[in-house]
Amino acid sequence: GQPMAANLQKAGHQLFLSEHHGKAPQALIDAGAVALANPQQVAQEAEFIIVMVPDTPQVDDVLFRTDGVAAGLSPNKV
């Protein structure tokens, strides 16, 4: 997902990255991305949430773990 994230960043979007499985790519941080501890924090900060993971088990983990995206959602999130 790093190349897709870099393209979003180059287009002027602010990125919030979860470090729940490891450090966020330094190149994205250096370009202005914000690293957060978990997907819940990302969902609390971001207006749009894009999940870039390899397969269904990782989608389930990111969305529905205790500190996942679903725990951080509020109205008007996409």
C-alpha atoms as a PDB file:
ATOM      1  CA  GLY A   1       0.000   0.000   0.000  1.00  0.00           C
ATOM      2  CA  GLN A   2       2.940   2.402   0.342  1.00  0.00           C
ATOM      3  CA  PRO A   3       2.975   3.414  -3.364  1.00  0.00           C
ATOM      4  CA  MET A   4      -0.794   4.087  -3.289  1.00  0.00           C
ATOM      5  CA  ALA A   5      -0.429   6.030  -0.039  1.00  0.00           C
ATOM      6  CA  ALA A   6       2.403   8.087  -1.536  1.00  0.00           C
ATOM      7  CA  ASN A   7       0.201   8.960  -4.517  1.00  0.00           C
ATOM      8  CA  LEU A   8      -2.579  10.133  -2.193  1.00  0.00           C
ATOM      9  CA  GLN A   9      -0.042  12.213  -0.326  1.00  0.00           C
ATOM     10  CA  LYS A  10       1.340  13.729  -3.538  1.00  0.00           C
ATOM     11  CA  ALA A  11      -2.233  14.689  -4.477  1.00  0.00           C
ATOM     12  CA  GLY A  12      -2.424  16.788  -1.308  1.00  0.00           C
ATOM     13  CA  HIS A  13      -4.209  14.459   1.120  1.00  0.00           C
ATOM     14  CA  GLN A  14      -3.212  14.283   4.779  1.00  0.00           C
ATOM     15  CA  LEU A  15      -2.472  10.691   5.764  1.00  0.00           C
ATOM     16  CA  PHE A  16      -2.963   9.087   9.170  1.00  0.00           C
ATOM     17  CA  LEU A  17      -1.228   5.705   9.436  1.00  0.00           C
ATOM     18  CA  SER A  18      -1.738   2.941  11.988  1.00  0.00           C
ATOM     19  CA  GLU A  19       1.334   1.381  13.571  1.00  0.00           C
ATOM     20  CA  HIS A  20      -0.570  -1.511  15.163  1.00  0.00           C
ATOM     21  CA  HIS A  21       1.549  -4.131  13.331  1.00  0.00           C
ATOM     22  CA  GLY A  22       4.787  -2.212  12.835  1.00  0.00           C
ATOM     23  CA  LYS A  23       6.337   1.153  12.143  1.00  0.00           C
ATOM     24  CA  ALA A  24       4.803   3.349   9.461  1.00  0.00           C
ATOM     25  CA  PRO A  25       6.998   3.847   6.386  1.00  0.00           C
ATOM     26  CA  GLN A  26       9.506   6.591   7.156  1.00  0.00           C
ATOM     27  CA  ALA A  27       9.207   8.068   3.658  1.00  0.00           C
ATOM     28  CA  LEU A  28       5.502   8.751   4.258  1.00  0.00           C
ATOM     29  CA  ILE A  29       6.201  10.230   7.702  1.00  0.00           C
ATOM     30  CA  ASP A  30       8.937  12.432   6.227  1.00  0.00           C
ATOM     31  CA  ALA A  31       6.425  13.685   3.641  1.00  0.00           C
ATOM     32  CA  GLY A  32       3.917  14.672   6.357  1.00  0.00           C
ATOM     33  CA  ALA A  33       1.938  11.559   7.281  1.00  0.00           C
ATOM     34  CA  VAL A  34       0.959  11.160  10.929  1.00  0.00           C
ATOM     35  CA  ALA A  35       1.644   7.808  12.609  1.00  0.00           C
ATOM     36  CA  LEU A  36      -0.905   6.698  15.198  1.00  0.00           C
ATOM     37  CA  ALA A  37      -0.908   3.695  17.528  1.00  0.00           C
ATOM     38  CA  ASN A  38      -3.931   1.850  16.159  1.00  0.00           C
ATOM     39  CA  PRO A  39      -6.766   1.857  13.589  1.00  0.00           C
ATOM     40  CA  GLN A  40      -9.221   3.342  16.117  1.00  0.00           C
ATOM     41  CA  GLN A  41      -7.097   6.487  16.392  1.00  0.00           C
ATOM     42  CA  VAL A  42      -6.864   6.689  12.605  1.00  0.00           C
ATOM     43  CA  ALA A  43     -10.658   6.515  12.313  1.00  0.00           C
ATOM     44  CA  GLN A  44     -11.017   9.247  14.932  1.00  0.00           C
ATOM     45  CA  GLU A  45      -8.724  11.590  12.971  1.00  0.00           C
ATOM     46  CA  ALA A  46      -9.533  10.846   9.327  1.00  0.00           C
ATOM     47  CA  GLU A  47     -12.611  11.812   7.335  1.00  0.00           C
ATOM     48  CA  PHE A  48     -12.054   8.986   4.830  1.00  0.00           C
ATOM     49  CA  ILE A  49     -10.624   5.606   5.802  1.00  0.00           C
ATOM     50  CA  ILE A  50      -8.853   3.473   3.218  1.00  0.00           C
ATOM     51  CA  VAL A  51      -7.690   0.011   4.253  1.00  0.00           C
ATOM     52  CA  MET A  52      -4.697  -1.374   2.349  1.00  0.00           C
ATOM     53  CA  VAL A  53      -4.071  -4.938   3.510  1.00  0.00           C
ATOM     54  CA  PRO A  54      -3.431  -8.219   1.693  1.00  0.00           C
ATOM     55  CA  ASP A  55      -6.490 -10.358   2.507  1.00  0.00           C
ATOM     56  CA  THR A  56      -9.789 -10.813   4.382  1.00  0.00           C
ATOM     57  CA  PRO A  57      -8.306 -11.803   7.788  1.00  0.00           C
ATOM     58  CA  GLN A  58      -6.323  -8.564   7.871  1.00  0.00           C
ATOM     59  CA  VAL A  59      -9.420  -6.550   6.871  1.00  0.00           C
ATOM     60  CA  ASP A  60     -11.317  -8.128   9.765  1.00  0.00           C
ATOM     61  CA  ASP A  61      -8.439  -7.347  12.138  1.00  0.00           C
ATOM     62  CA  VAL A  62      -8.136  -3.698  11.095  1.00  0.00           C
ATOM     63  CA  LEU A  63     -11.869  -3.039  11.158  1.00  0.00           C
ATOM     64  CA  PHE A  64     -13.131  -5.076  14.107  1.00  0.00           C
ATOM     65  CA  ARG A  65     -10.327  -5.599  16.630  1.00  0.00           C
ATOM     66  CA  THR A  66     -10.917  -3.960  20.032  1.00  0.00           C
ATOM     67  CA  ASP A  67      -9.045  -0.828  18.923  1.00  0.00           C
ATOM     68  CA  GLY A  68     -10.066  -1.140  15.276  1.00  0.00           C
ATOM     69  CA  VAL A  69     -11.610   1.275  12.810  1.00  0.00           C
ATOM     70  CA  ALA A  70     -15.183   0.463  13.901  1.00  0.00           C
ATOM     71  CA  ALA A  71     -14.382   1.596  17.457  1.00  0.00           C
ATOM     72  CA  GLY A  72     -13.270   5.006  16.185  1.00  0.00           C
ATOM     73  CA  LEU A  73     -16.051   5.797  13.729  1.00  0.00           C
ATOM     74  CA  SER A  74     -18.373   8.749  14.131  1.00  0.00           C
ATOM     75  CA  PRO A  75     -20.952  10.415  11.861  1.00  0.00           C
ATOM     76  CA  ASN A  76     -19.817  11.589   8.415  1.00  0.00           C
ATOM     77  CA  LYS A  77     -16.915   9.138   8.103  1.00  0.00           C
ATOM     78  CA  VAL A  78     -16.408   7.304   4.827  1.00  0.00           C
END
